[in-house]
Protein backbone atom coordinates (compact mmCIF):
# COMPACT_ATOMS: atom_id res chain seq x y z
CA MET A 1 88.24 96.58 112.11
CA GLU A 2 84.52 95.80 111.80
CA LEU A 3 82.36 96.93 108.88
CA LYS A 4 78.69 96.56 108.02
CA GLU A 5 77.20 96.42 104.53
CA ASP A 6 73.72 95.66 103.18
CA ILE A 7 74.97 93.47 100.32
CA VAL A 8 78.39 91.80 100.02
CA ILE A 9 79.50 90.00 96.85
CA VAL A 10 82.52 87.69 97.07
CA GLY A 11 84.48 87.67 93.80
CA ALA A 12 85.09 90.39 91.19
CA GLY A 13 84.70 88.13 88.18
CA ILE A 14 82.01 88.32 85.51
CA ALA A 15 79.14 87.19 87.75
CA GLY A 16 80.21 89.36 90.69
CA LEU A 17 80.66 92.56 88.72
CA ALA A 18 77.52 92.00 86.63
CA THR A 19 75.48 91.54 89.81
CA ALA A 20 77.03 94.63 91.40
CA LEU A 21 76.34 96.74 88.32
CA GLY A 22 72.78 95.42 88.08
CA LEU A 23 72.18 96.39 91.71
CA HIS A 24 73.76 99.80 91.10
CA ARG A 25 71.47 100.43 88.12
CA LEU A 26 68.53 99.66 90.42
CA GLY A 27 69.77 102.06 93.10
CA LEU A 28 71.27 99.49 95.48
CA LYS A 29 74.79 99.71 96.90
CA SER A 30 76.98 96.63 97.27
CA LEU A 31 80.54 95.81 98.27
CA VAL A 32 82.56 93.42 96.10
CA LEU A 33 85.40 91.55 97.81
CA GLU A 34 88.25 90.43 95.55
CA SER A 35 91.14 88.35 96.90
CA SER A 36 93.54 89.51 94.16
CA THR A 37 95.32 92.84 94.15
CA CYS A 38 93.60 93.83 90.89
CA LEU A 39 91.05 92.58 88.38
CA ARG A 40 91.83 89.04 87.22
CA VAL A 41 91.88 89.35 83.46
CA THR A 42 93.40 85.98 82.58
CA GLY A 43 91.35 83.75 80.33
CA ALA A 44 91.87 85.69 77.08
CA ALA A 45 88.36 85.78 75.58
CA PHE A 46 85.10 83.90 75.25
CA THR A 47 82.20 83.63 72.83
CA THR A 48 79.23 85.82 73.74
CA TRP A 49 75.95 84.62 72.31
CA THR A 50 72.64 86.41 71.85
CA ASN A 51 71.55 85.73 75.44
CA ALA A 52 74.72 87.40 76.76
CA TRP A 53 74.22 90.50 74.63
CA GLN A 54 70.68 90.85 75.94
CA ALA A 55 72.10 90.79 79.47
CA LEU A 56 74.83 93.30 78.57
CA ASP A 57 72.21 95.61 77.04
CA ALA A 58 70.17 95.34 80.24
CA LEU A 59 73.27 96.49 82.15
CA GLY A 60 73.71 99.40 79.75
CA ILE A 61 77.14 98.42 78.38
CA GLY A 62 76.27 96.45 75.25
CA ASN A 63 76.89 99.19 72.69
CA SER A 64 80.29 100.20 74.07
CA LEU A 65 81.44 96.56 73.79
CA ARG A 66 80.01 96.00 70.32
CA GLY A 67 82.25 98.67 68.85
CA GLN A 68 85.34 96.76 69.97
CA HIS A 69 84.45 93.27 68.74
CA LEU A 70 83.55 91.76 65.37
CA ARG A 71 80.14 90.26 64.79
CA LEU A 72 80.58 86.63 63.79
CA HIS A 73 78.55 85.35 60.85
CA GLY A 74 78.73 81.63 61.43
CA MET A 75 80.66 78.50 62.36
CA VAL A 76 82.51 75.88 60.34
CA ALA A 77 83.46 72.47 61.77
CA THR A 78 86.14 70.28 60.16
CA SER A 79 87.16 66.69 60.91
CA THR A 80 90.93 66.43 61.28
CA THR A 81 90.79 62.65 60.75
CA LEU A 82 88.69 62.81 57.58
CA GLY A 83 90.14 66.10 56.39
CA VAL A 84 86.71 67.40 55.31
CA GLN A 85 84.13 69.87 56.53
CA ILE A 86 81.42 68.15 58.57
CA GLY A 87 79.25 71.04 59.73
CA GLN A 88 78.39 74.64 58.95
CA THR A 89 75.98 77.11 60.56
CA ALA A 90 75.04 80.67 59.67
CA TYR A 91 74.33 83.07 62.55
CA THR A 92 72.96 85.84 60.33
CA ALA A 93 71.13 85.99 57.02
CA LYS A 94 73.60 86.62 54.20
CA GLY A 95 74.34 90.29 53.69
CA THR A 96 72.32 91.36 56.74
CA THR A 97 72.56 91.56 60.53
CA VAL A 98 69.29 89.67 60.98
CA GLY A 99 69.66 86.63 63.22
CA HIS A 100 71.75 85.77 66.26
CA GLU A 101 74.32 88.17 67.63
CA VAL A 102 77.57 86.33 68.32
CA ARG A 103 80.93 87.94 69.09
CA CYS A 104 84.17 86.88 70.77
CA LEU A 105 84.53 89.19 73.75
CA LYS A 106 87.89 89.96 75.36
CA ARG A 107 87.68 89.17 79.07
CA LYS A 108 89.88 92.11 80.05
CA VAL A 109 87.69 94.55 78.15
CA LEU A 110 84.49 93.19 79.71
CA LEU A 111 85.76 93.23 83.29
CA GLU A 112 87.20 96.74 82.97
CA THR A 113 83.96 98.00 81.39
CA LEU A 114 81.89 96.52 84.21
CA ALA A 115 84.24 97.86 86.89
CA ASN A 116 84.40 101.35 85.39
CA GLU A 117 80.61 101.65 85.55
CA LEU A 118 80.58 101.00 89.30
CA PRO A 119 80.87 103.75 91.92
CA SER A 120 84.33 104.31 93.36
CA GLY A 121 85.03 102.04 96.31
CA THR A 122 82.61 99.29 95.26
CA ILE A 123 85.46 96.79 94.76
CA ARG A 124 87.73 96.03 97.72
CA PHE A 125 90.89 94.30 96.49
CA SER A 126 93.25 92.10 98.56
CA SER A 127 90.20 90.91 100.52
CA LYS A 128 90.33 87.15 100.85
CA VAL A 129 87.46 85.59 102.81
CA ALA A 130 88.81 83.25 105.49
CA SER A 131 85.52 82.12 107.04
CA VAL A 132 81.75 82.59 106.86
CA GLU A 133 79.23 82.16 109.64
CA LYS A 134 75.71 83.23 110.54
CA VAL A 135 75.07 85.55 113.49
CA GLY A 136 71.37 86.16 114.03
CA SER A 137 69.93 87.52 110.81
CA LEU A 138 73.33 88.72 109.57
CA MET A 139 76.21 86.94 107.85
CA LEU A 140 79.63 87.45 109.38
CA LEU A 141 82.73 87.28 107.18
CA CYS A 142 86.25 87.14 108.56
CA LEU A 143 88.84 88.34 106.06
CA ALA A 144 92.46 87.21 105.94
CA ASP A 145 93.63 90.72 106.91
CA GLY A 146 91.60 90.59 110.15
CA THR A 147 88.66 92.68 108.94
CA ILE A 148 85.22 91.59 110.15
CA LEU A 149 82.28 92.21 107.82
CA LYS A 150 78.61 91.92 108.72
CA THR A 151 76.05 91.90 105.93
CA LYS A 152 72.33 91.45 105.33
CA VAL A 153 72.95 89.59 102.04
CA LEU A 154 75.92 87.42 101.04
CA ILE A 155 76.42 86.48 97.37
CA GLY A 156 79.13 84.01 96.37
CA CYS A 157 80.60 84.70 92.95
CA ASP A 158 83.98 83.26 93.92
CA GLY A 159 84.43 80.55 91.30
CA VAL A 160 84.88 76.79 91.39
CA ASN A 161 86.62 76.89 94.77
CA SER A 162 83.90 79.05 96.32
CA VAL A 163 83.99 79.61 100.08
CA VAL A 164 80.32 80.60 99.96
CA ALA A 165 79.34 77.43 98.06
CA ARG A 166 81.04 75.37 100.78
CA TYR A 167 79.04 77.25 103.42
CA LEU A 168 75.85 76.31 101.55
CA GLY A 169 76.93 72.66 101.60
CA LEU A 170 77.63 72.36 97.87
CA LYS A 171 80.31 69.83 96.96
CA LYS A 172 83.56 70.65 95.21
CA PRO A 173 83.09 70.55 91.39
CA SER A 174 84.12 67.30 89.67
CA PHE A 175 87.00 66.93 87.23
CA ASP A 176 85.77 66.24 83.70
CA GLY A 177 88.88 64.29 82.67
CA ARG A 178 89.90 66.93 80.14
CA SER A 179 92.08 70.02 80.16
CA ALA A 180 91.92 73.13 78.00
CA ILE A 181 94.78 75.24 76.73
CA ARG A 182 93.68 78.71 75.66
CA GLY A 183 95.50 81.56 73.99
CA TYR A 184 95.12 85.03 72.57
CA ALA A 185 97.04 85.99 69.41
CA VAL A 186 97.58 89.60 68.34
CA PHE A 187 98.71 90.48 64.80
CA LYS A 188 100.51 93.71 63.88
CA GLU A 189 98.11 94.11 60.97
CA SER A 190 94.87 92.41 59.94
CA HIS A 191 94.85 88.67 60.62
CA GLY A 192 92.85 88.04 57.44
CA PHE A 193 90.38 85.53 58.88
CA GLU A 194 86.67 85.67 58.10
CA PRO A 195 84.40 86.55 61.05
CA LYS A 196 83.55 82.90 61.71
CA ILE A 197 84.20 80.33 64.42
CA MET A 198 86.46 77.58 63.08
CA GLN A 199 86.38 74.26 64.92
CA PHE A 200 88.60 71.24 64.24
CA ILE A 201 87.48 67.91 65.65
CA GLY A 202 89.54 64.72 65.86
CA GLU A 203 89.99 61.65 68.01
CA GLY A 204 90.15 62.83 71.61
CA LYS A 205 91.00 66.41 70.68
CA ARG A 206 89.14 69.53 69.70
CA TYR A 207 90.45 72.98 68.92
CA GLY A 208 89.31 76.17 67.31
CA ILE A 209 89.99 79.77 66.39
CA VAL A 210 87.62 82.71 66.91
CA PRO A 211 88.28 86.28 65.71
CA CYS A 212 87.80 89.00 68.33
CA ASP A 213 88.51 92.00 66.13
CA ASP A 214 90.51 92.74 62.96
CA THR A 215 93.89 92.09 64.58
CA SER A 216 93.29 89.59 67.40
CA LEU A 217 92.05 86.01 67.69
CA TYR A 218 91.15 83.70 70.55
CA TRP A 219 92.07 80.03 70.25
CA PHE A 220 91.45 76.91 72.35
CA PHE A 221 92.65 73.32 72.47
CA THR A 222 90.94 70.67 74.62
CA SER A 223 92.01 67.07 75.13
CA SER A 224 92.09 64.30 77.68
CA SER A 225 94.30 65.24 80.63
CA SER A 226 96.23 62.00 80.10
CA TYR A 227 97.88 63.84 77.21
CA ILE A 228 98.67 66.97 79.23
CA ASP A 229 100.89 66.24 82.21
CA LYS A 230 101.50 68.58 85.14
CA GLU A 231 104.82 69.75 83.72
CA ILE A 232 103.06 71.06 80.62
CA GLU A 233 100.24 72.68 82.65
CA GLY A 234 102.72 74.86 84.53
CA ASN A 235 104.82 75.87 81.54
CA PRO A 236 103.24 78.13 78.85
CA ALA A 237 106.14 77.53 76.43
CA LYS A 238 105.58 73.77 76.64
CA MET A 239 101.81 74.29 76.30
CA LYS A 240 102.44 76.11 73.04
CA GLN A 241 104.69 73.37 71.67
CA PHE A 242 102.23 70.71 72.80
CA VAL A 243 99.39 72.35 70.87
CA LEU A 244 101.54 72.81 67.75
CA SER A 245 102.56 69.15 67.82
CA ASN A 246 98.90 68.05 68.02
CA LEU A 247 97.32 70.22 65.34
CA GLU A 248 97.32 67.41 62.74
CA LYS A 249 96.02 68.36 59.26
CA VAL A 250 95.36 72.08 59.38
CA PRO A 251 96.35 74.93 57.03
CA ASP A 252 99.58 76.82 57.79
CA LYS A 253 97.44 79.90 58.44
CA ILE A 254 95.88 78.16 61.45
CA ARG A 255 99.25 76.95 62.74
CA ASN A 256 100.65 80.47 62.45
CA VAL A 257 98.05 81.77 64.92
CA ILE A 258 99.49 79.50 67.61
CA GLU A 259 103.08 80.26 66.63
CA ILE A 260 102.76 84.04 67.03
CA THR A 261 100.96 83.79 70.38
CA LYS A 262 103.09 85.12 73.23
CA VAL A 263 103.63 82.63 76.06
CA ASP A 264 102.25 85.20 78.53
CA ASP A 265 98.92 84.94 76.68
CA ILE A 266 98.58 81.15 77.07
CA ILE A 267 96.90 79.40 80.01
CA CYS A 268 95.91 75.83 80.85
CA SER A 269 93.14 74.68 83.15
CA GLN A 270 91.41 71.44 84.06
CA LEU A 271 87.74 71.33 83.06
CA ARG A 272 85.35 71.00 85.98
CA LEU A 273 81.60 70.89 86.45
CA ARG A 274 79.07 70.68 89.24
CA SER A 275 76.85 67.62 89.27
CA PRO A 276 73.60 68.48 87.46
CA TRP A 277 71.68 66.74 90.24
CA GLU A 278 73.30 68.98 92.85
CA ILE A 279 72.26 72.03 90.83
CA LEU A 280 68.73 70.67 90.72
CA LEU A 281 68.47 69.54 94.34
CA GLY A 282 71.19 71.40 96.26
CA ASP A 283 71.07 74.70 98.14
CA ILE A 284 71.70 77.43 95.58
CA SER A 285 70.36 79.76 98.22
CA LYS A 286 69.78 79.41 101.96
CA ASP A 287 68.31 82.17 104.11
CA ASN A 288 70.20 85.34 103.07
CA VAL A 289 73.03 83.61 101.16
CA CYS A 290 73.27 82.49 97.52
CA VAL A 291 75.77 81.70 94.76
CA ALA A 292 76.07 82.77 91.12
CA GLY A 293 78.35 82.15 88.14
CA ASP A 294 80.97 79.41 88.48
CA ALA A 295 80.31 79.17 92.21
CA PHE A 296 76.81 77.99 91.24
CA HIS A 297 77.06 76.15 87.91
CA PRO A 298 80.65 75.48 86.79
CA MET A 299 80.42 73.77 83.40
CA THR A 300 82.64 72.52 80.61
CA PRO A 301 83.16 75.01 77.74
CA ASP A 302 81.52 72.86 75.05
CA LEU A 303 78.46 75.12 74.71
CA GLY A 304 80.36 78.37 75.23
CA GLN A 305 77.76 79.40 77.82
CA GLY A 306 79.76 79.65 81.07
CA ALA A 307 80.36 83.41 81.00
CA CYS A 308 77.06 84.07 79.22
CA SER A 309 75.03 82.34 81.92
CA ALA A 310 77.01 84.22 84.60
CA LEU A 311 75.77 87.47 83.05
CA GLU A 312 72.23 86.08 83.12
CA ASP A 313 72.65 85.27 86.82
CA GLY A 314 73.65 88.87 87.52
CA ILE A 315 70.52 90.28 85.89
CA VAL A 316 68.09 87.89 87.57
CA LEU A 317 69.74 88.18 90.99
CA ALA A 318 69.80 91.99 90.93
CA ARG A 319 66.15 92.08 89.84
CA CYS A 320 65.06 89.72 92.62
CA LEU A 321 67.04 91.50 95.34
CA ALA A 322 65.68 94.88 94.31
CA GLU A 323 62.21 93.61 95.18
CA ALA A 324 63.41 92.74 98.70
CA PHE A 325 64.73 96.24 99.33
CA THR A 326 61.73 98.09 97.89
CA GLU A 327 60.10 100.37 100.47
CA LYS A 328 56.55 99.85 101.64
CA SER A 329 53.86 101.64 99.67
CA THR A 330 53.42 103.86 102.73
CA GLY A 331 57.04 105.00 102.43
CA GLN A 332 57.98 103.38 105.72
CA GLU A 333 60.91 101.04 106.17
CA TYR A 334 60.44 97.35 106.92
CA SER A 335 61.43 96.02 110.32
CA LYS A 336 64.60 93.90 110.50
CA GLU A 337 62.52 90.73 110.70
CA GLU A 338 60.36 91.74 107.71
CA GLU A 339 63.39 92.71 105.66
CA TYR A 340 65.14 89.42 106.46
CA GLU A 341 62.09 87.45 105.30
CA ARG A 342 61.86 89.49 102.10
CA ILE A 343 65.53 88.80 101.37
CA LYS A 344 65.01 85.06 101.88
CA ILE A 345 62.02 85.08 99.55
CA SER A 346 63.89 87.07 96.87
CA LEU A 347 66.86 84.66 96.89
CA LYS A 348 64.54 81.66 96.73
CA LYS A 349 62.89 83.27 93.72
CA TYR A 350 66.31 83.74 92.09
CA ALA A 351 67.24 80.10 92.78
CA LYS A 352 63.96 78.83 91.36
CA GLU A 353 64.37 80.90 88.22
CA ARG A 354 67.98 79.86 87.60
CA ARG A 355 68.02 76.23 88.74
CA TRP A 356 66.65 74.58 85.60
CA ARG A 357 68.67 76.83 83.31
CA GLY A 358 71.87 75.82 85.12
CA PHE A 359 70.87 72.13 85.06
CA ASP A 360 70.19 72.28 81.33
CA LEU A 361 73.45 74.00 80.40
CA VAL A 362 75.74 71.89 82.60
CA THR A 363 74.16 68.61 81.43
CA THR A 364 74.13 69.50 77.73
CA ALA A 365 77.71 70.82 77.78
CA TYR A 366 79.00 67.67 79.49
CA LEU A 367 77.22 65.28 77.10
CA LEU A 368 78.29 67.31 74.08
CA GLY A 369 81.92 67.31 75.21
CA ALA A 370 81.86 63.55 75.77
CA ILE A 371 80.56 62.97 72.25
CA MET A 372 82.78 65.50 70.49
CA GLN A 373 86.00 64.17 72.02
CA SER A 374 85.30 60.45 72.15
CA ASN A 375 87.79 57.94 70.72
CA ASP A 376 85.07 55.32 70.23
CA LYS A 377 84.62 54.54 66.51
CA MET A 378 80.82 54.32 66.62
CA THR A 379 80.56 57.55 68.61
CA ALA A 380 82.97 59.22 66.17
CA PHE A 381 80.79 58.08 63.25
CA LEU A 382 77.66 59.53 64.88
CA ARG A 383 79.58 62.71 65.76
CA ASN A 384 80.67 63.30 62.18
CA LYS A 385 77.43 62.27 60.47
CA VAL A 386 74.73 63.28 62.94
CA VAL A 387 75.84 65.49 65.86
CA THR A 388 78.24 67.98 64.25
CA PRO A 389 75.95 68.94 61.32
CA PHE A 390 73.37 70.00 63.92
CA LEU A 391 75.88 71.42 66.43
CA GLY A 392 75.34 75.00 65.33
CA ASP A 393 71.57 74.72 65.73
CA LEU A 394 72.02 73.32 69.25
CA LEU A 395 74.30 76.21 70.24
CA LEU A 396 71.84 78.74 68.86
CA LYS A 397 68.94 77.07 70.66
CA LYS A 398 70.70 77.49 74.02
CA ALA A 399 71.54 81.09 73.08
CA SER A 400 67.88 81.91 72.44
CA PHE A 401 67.18 82.17 76.18
CA ASN A 402 66.24 85.66 77.42
CA CYS A 403 66.85 86.46 81.10
CA GLY A 404 64.75 89.64 80.85
CA GLN A 405 65.36 93.22 81.93
CA LEU A 406 66.67 94.47 85.27
CA ALA A 407 63.31 95.84 86.33
CA PRO A 408 60.13 93.74 85.92
CA MET A 409 58.16 94.87 82.86
């Protein structure tokens, strides 16, 4: 079977669905290819900062998501080795909602909200891309089920192992040397935690708890992969016991969050990132092909900006592509050659706009993670006395970025 589409997006994750919805809002149809049989909702939750909420508002789904998630008022960081608080940041002025908007967003809720806003048939499940090649001005995709797809625009939103990124010549993301265990705990009644991010920092380990709503919390634990062997990575029950045995000096209330977490709600993953220099100098786009989200700028979670920047990508990419498909002022259509050139220009514009942002986030996240989880005594001293007290300000600075609206103002 052979099909033809104007715009094909590979991957129905956050970047893919945000781009598809952005295009839909601007009157452009796209086809999203997803290799899984359904939406991949693993990953529990993630912090959404001010920049992400601006993107969600641009997509028209911000308010529906706000009603399902608590607004967080600040962050508290505690040293597990010293047993004292070493940093505190307020996100809003006391007693008001003035300031940064920060919430912990459930991945499942976000993906389903994005998908439900798309026209029926936009997402094609069980559609694994086997190969990509260029045929004239079109991109040809061969799917594992034998389907052949031809498209004017190919967008890779297919994660760290992106087929589209490989086509562009981007290297496989590097292993950071750390792994993260993440979980999602649901209480029968109120969990009783304040709407704040709680981080615990020790030698070589970092973990934290973030409320999503009144009854659920997201938690994370990151450490050197030398501590987490392959047997633990593939066994959620052992992941849970491993985290509990490494919590050190924390209140029983914190320990209880891990204890009540169901093993089905725990995952482990190695932390990977793309070289900042490749982001700066590599082919984010080439001709009528580009990448977005983790296929473009996989980063460590130390800034909490991975998913947020994927939403930014979707807004900018949709806005740029809409310019390529705008009709002539005379109402006539562009020739194939003219349209192809306009697509190339629009994707170059997207790449130019997003390159430095990706470079900044990947570099800062990597350096921050190296400092926050170092075993070196001097680095630990600087972390506790200098870096952590200003950590909240750094996070808010990166969250102050505004990717703009879908349509140029």
